[in-house]
């Protein structure tokens, strides 16, 4: 399940949100979630 979540999270969330002042914190949160799942 960890692998499926890691694959779905970045691919689904990152492309949707553009890189903006509001998007940067979201990308950081997504990266933190990915690292958390990998750990």
PDB file of N, CA and C in Angstrom:
ATOM      1  N   UNK A   1       0.833  -1.197   0.000  1.00  0.00           N
ATOM      2  CA  UNK A   1       0.000   0.000   0.000  1.00  0.00           C
ATOM      3  C   UNK A   1       0.878   1.261   0.000  1.00  0.00           C
ATOM      4  N   UNK A   2       2.006   1.208   0.681  1.00  0.00           N
ATOM      5  CA  UNK A   2       2.891   2.377   0.729  1.00  0.00           C
ATOM      6  C   UNK A   2       3.374   2.729  -0.673  1.00  0.00           C
ATOM      7  N   UNK A   3       3.683   1.709  -1.470  1.00  0.00           N
ATOM      8  CA  UNK A   3       4.172   1.968  -2.822  1.00  0.00           C
ATOM      9  C   UNK A   3       3.084   2.598  -3.681  1.00  0.00           C
ATOM     10  N   UNK A   4       1.855   2.103  -3.558  1.00  0.00           N
ATOM     11  CA  UNK A   4       0.760   2.640  -4.375  1.00  0.00           C
ATOM     12  C   UNK A   4       0.482   4.086  -3.986  1.00  0.00           C
ATOM     13  N   UNK A   5       0.519   4.394  -2.700  1.00  0.00           N
ATOM     14  CA  UNK A   5       0.279   5.766  -2.255  1.00  0.00           C
ATOM     15  C   UNK A   5       1.398   6.679  -2.742  1.00  0.00           C
ATOM     16  N   UNK A   6       2.624   6.204  -2.674  1.00  0.00           N
ATOM     17  CA  UNK A   6       3.764   7.014  -3.104  1.00  0.00           C
ATOM     18  C   UNK A   6       3.669   7.303  -4.602  1.00  0.00           C
ATOM     19  N   UNK A   7       3.160   6.328  -5.361  1.00  0.00           N
ATOM     20  CA  UNK A   7       3.043   6.518  -6.803  1.00  0.00           C
ATOM     21  C   UNK A   7       1.887   7.453  -7.147  1.00  0.00           C
ATOM     22  N   UNK A   8       0.775   7.323  -6.432  1.00  0.00           N
ATOM     23  CA  UNK A   8      -0.410   8.116  -6.760  1.00  0.00           C
ATOM     24  C   UNK A   8      -0.273   9.555  -6.269  1.00  0.00           C
ATOM     25  N   UNK A   9       0.290   9.747  -5.089  1.00  0.00           N
ATOM     26  CA  UNK A   9       0.372  11.085  -4.506  1.00  0.00           C
ATOM     27  C   UNK A   9       1.028  12.110  -5.426  1.00  0.00           C
ATOM     28  N   UNK A  10       2.327  11.956  -5.732  1.00  0.00           N
ATOM     29  CA  UNK A  10       3.043  12.949  -6.535  1.00  0.00           C
ATOM     30  C   UNK A  10       2.437  13.106  -7.929  1.00  0.00           C
ATOM     31  N   UNK A  11       2.059  12.002  -8.548  1.00  0.00           N
ATOM     32  CA  UNK A  11       1.581  12.056  -9.932  1.00  0.00           C
ATOM     33  C   UNK A  11       0.232  12.750 -10.020  1.00  0.00           C
ATOM     34  N   UNK A  12      -0.588  12.614  -8.992  1.00  0.00           N
ATOM     35  CA  UNK A  12      -1.930  13.211  -9.042  1.00  0.00           C
ATOM     36  C   UNK A  12      -1.937  14.662  -8.574  1.00  0.00           C
ATOM     37  N   UNK A  13      -1.135  14.989  -7.572  1.00  0.00           N
ATOM     38  CA  UNK A  13      -1.239  16.307  -6.943  1.00  0.00           C
ATOM     39  C   UNK A  13      -0.351  17.340  -7.641  1.00  0.00           C
ATOM     40  N   UNK A  14       0.899  16.997  -7.896  1.00  0.00           N
ATOM     41  CA  UNK A  14       1.862  17.972  -8.422  1.00  0.00           C
ATOM     42  C   UNK A  14       1.424  18.577  -9.764  1.00  0.00           C
ATOM     43  N   UNK A  15       0.983  17.764 -10.744  1.00  0.00           N
ATOM     44  CA  UNK A  15       0.607  18.346 -12.042  1.00  0.00           C
ATOM     45  C   UNK A  15      -0.594  19.284 -11.934  1.00  0.00           C
ATOM     46  N   UNK A  16      -1.491  19.043 -10.967  1.00  0.00           N
ATOM     47  CA  UNK A  16      -2.710  19.840 -10.844  1.00  0.00           C
ATOM     48  C   UNK A  16      -2.381  21.259 -10.384  1.00  0.00           C
ATOM     49  N   UNK A  17      -1.536  21.380  -9.362  1.00  0.00           N
ATOM     50  CA  UNK A  17      -1.223  22.697  -8.809  1.00  0.00           C
ATOM     51  C   UNK A  17      -0.023  23.305  -9.522  1.00  0.00           C
ATOM     52  N   UNK A  18      -0.172  24.494 -10.109  1.00  0.00           N
ATOM     53  CA  UNK A  18       0.952  25.186 -10.739  1.00  0.00           C
ATOM     54  C   UNK A  18       1.918  25.718  -9.678  1.00  0.00           C
ATOM     55  N   UNK A  19       3.145  26.004 -10.104  1.00  0.00           N
ATOM     56  CA  UNK A  19       4.144  26.520  -9.157  1.00  0.00           C
ATOM     57  C   UNK A  19       3.901  28.017  -8.951  1.00  0.00           C
ATOM     58  N   UNK A  20       3.250  28.355  -7.839  1.00  0.00           N
ATOM     59  CA  UNK A  20       2.971  29.762  -7.525  1.00  0.00           C
ATOM     60  C   UNK A  20       3.262  29.992  -6.053  1.00  0.00           C
ATOM     61  N   UNK A  21       3.010  31.202  -5.581  1.00  0.00           N
ATOM     62  CA  UNK A  21       3.237  31.509  -4.171  1.00  0.00           C
ATOM     63  C   UNK A  21       2.363  30.608  -3.302  1.00  0.00           C
ATOM     64  N   UNK A  22       1.168  30.263  -3.799  1.00  0.00           N
ATOM     65  CA  UNK A  22       0.276  29.372  -3.053  1.00  0.00           C
ATOM     66  C   UNK A  22       0.613  27.912  -3.324  1.00  0.00           C
ATOM     67  N   UNK A  23       1.224  27.642  -4.480  1.00  0.00           N
ATOM     68  CA  UNK A  23       1.515  26.262  -4.864  1.00  0.00           C
ATOM     69  C   UNK A  23       2.757  25.706  -4.185  1.00  0.00           C
ATOM     70  N   UNK A  24       3.724  26.581  -3.893  1.00  0.00           N
ATOM     71  CA  UNK A  24       4.988  26.126  -3.304  1.00  0.00           C
ATOM     72  C   UNK A  24       4.774  25.381  -1.979  1.00  0.00           C
ATOM     73  N   UNK A  25       4.015  25.940  -1.027  1.00  0.00           N
ATOM     74  CA  UNK A  25       3.796  25.228   0.232  1.00  0.00           C
ATOM     75  C   UNK A  25       3.115  23.883   0.007  1.00  0.00           C
ATOM     76  N   UNK A  26       2.218  23.800  -0.969  1.00  0.00           N
ATOM     77  CA  UNK A  26       1.531  22.543  -1.265  1.00  0.00           C
ATOM     78  C   UNK A  26       2.531  21.509  -1.768  1.00  0.00           C
ATOM     79  N   UNK A  27       3.461  21.945  -2.627  1.00  0.00           N
ATOM     80  CA  UNK A  27       4.474  21.021  -3.136  1.00  0.00           C
ATOM     81  C   UNK A  27       5.344  20.526  -1.989  1.00  0.00           C
ATOM     82  N   UNK A  28       5.698  21.425  -1.066  1.00  0.00           N
ATOM     83  CA  UNK A  28       6.519  21.045   0.081  1.00  0.00           C
ATOM     84  C   UNK A  28       5.784  20.006   0.922  1.00  0.00           C
ATOM     85  N   UNK A  29       4.486  20.247   1.149  1.00  0.00           N
ATOM     86  CA  UNK A  29       3.691  19.289   1.931  1.00  0.00           C
ATOM     87  C   UNK A  29       3.649  17.938   1.230  1.00  0.00           C
ATOM     88  N   UNK A  30       3.501  17.964  -0.098  1.00  0.00           N
ATOM     89  CA  UNK A  30       3.469  16.715  -0.861  1.00  0.00           C
ATOM     90  C   UNK A  30       4.788  15.967  -0.734  1.00  0.00           C
ATOM     91  N   UNK A  31       5.896  16.696  -0.817  1.00  0.00           N
ATOM     92  CA  UNK A  31       7.209  16.069  -0.685  1.00  0.00           C
ATOM     93  C   UNK A  31       7.368  15.463   0.704  1.00  0.00           C
ATOM     94  N   UNK A  32       6.901  16.197   1.724  1.00  0.00           N
ATOM     95  CA  UNK A  32       6.994  15.685   3.090  1.00  0.00           C
ATOM     96  C   UNK A  32       6.185  14.403   3.228  1.00  0.00           C
ATOM     97  N   UNK A  33       5.007  14.368   2.607  1.00  0.00           N
ATOM     98  CA  UNK A  33       4.171  13.167   2.666  1.00  0.00           C
ATOM     99  C   UNK A  33       4.877  11.994   1.994  1.00  0.00           C
ATOM    100  N   UNK A  34       5.523  12.267   0.847  1.00  0.00           N
ATOM    101  CA  UNK A  34       6.234  11.202   0.137  1.00  0.00           C
ATOM    102  C   UNK A  34       7.375  10.657   0.990  1.00  0.00           C
ATOM    103  N   UNK A  35       8.172  11.554   1.575  1.00  0.00           N
ATOM    104  CA  UNK A  35       9.279  11.112   2.425  1.00  0.00           C
ATOM    105  C   UNK A  35       8.750  10.341   3.624  1.00  0.00           C
ATOM    106  N   UNK A  36       7.645  10.809   4.208  1.00  0.00           N
ATOM    107  CA  UNK A  36       7.057  10.136   5.370  1.00  0.00           C
ATOM    108  C   UNK A  36       6.633   8.714   5.001  1.00  0.00           C
ATOM    109  N   UNK A  37       6.022   8.568   3.817  1.00  0.00           N
ATOM    110  CA  UNK A  37       5.576   7.240   3.378  1.00  0.00           C
ATOM    111  C   UNK A  37       6.784   6.342   3.111  1.00  0.00           C
ATOM    112  N   UNK A  38       7.841   6.919   2.525  1.00  0.00           N
ATOM    113  CA  UNK A  38       9.025   6.117   2.214  1.00  0.00           C
ATOM    114  C   UNK A  38       9.718   5.666   3.494  1.00  0.00           C
ATOM    115  N   UNK A  39       9.720   6.526   4.513  1.00  0.00           N
ATOM    116  CA  UNK A  39      10.353   6.152   5.777  1.00  0.00           C
ATOM    117  C   UNK A  39       9.497   5.120   6.490  1.00  0.00           C
TER     118      UNK A  39
END
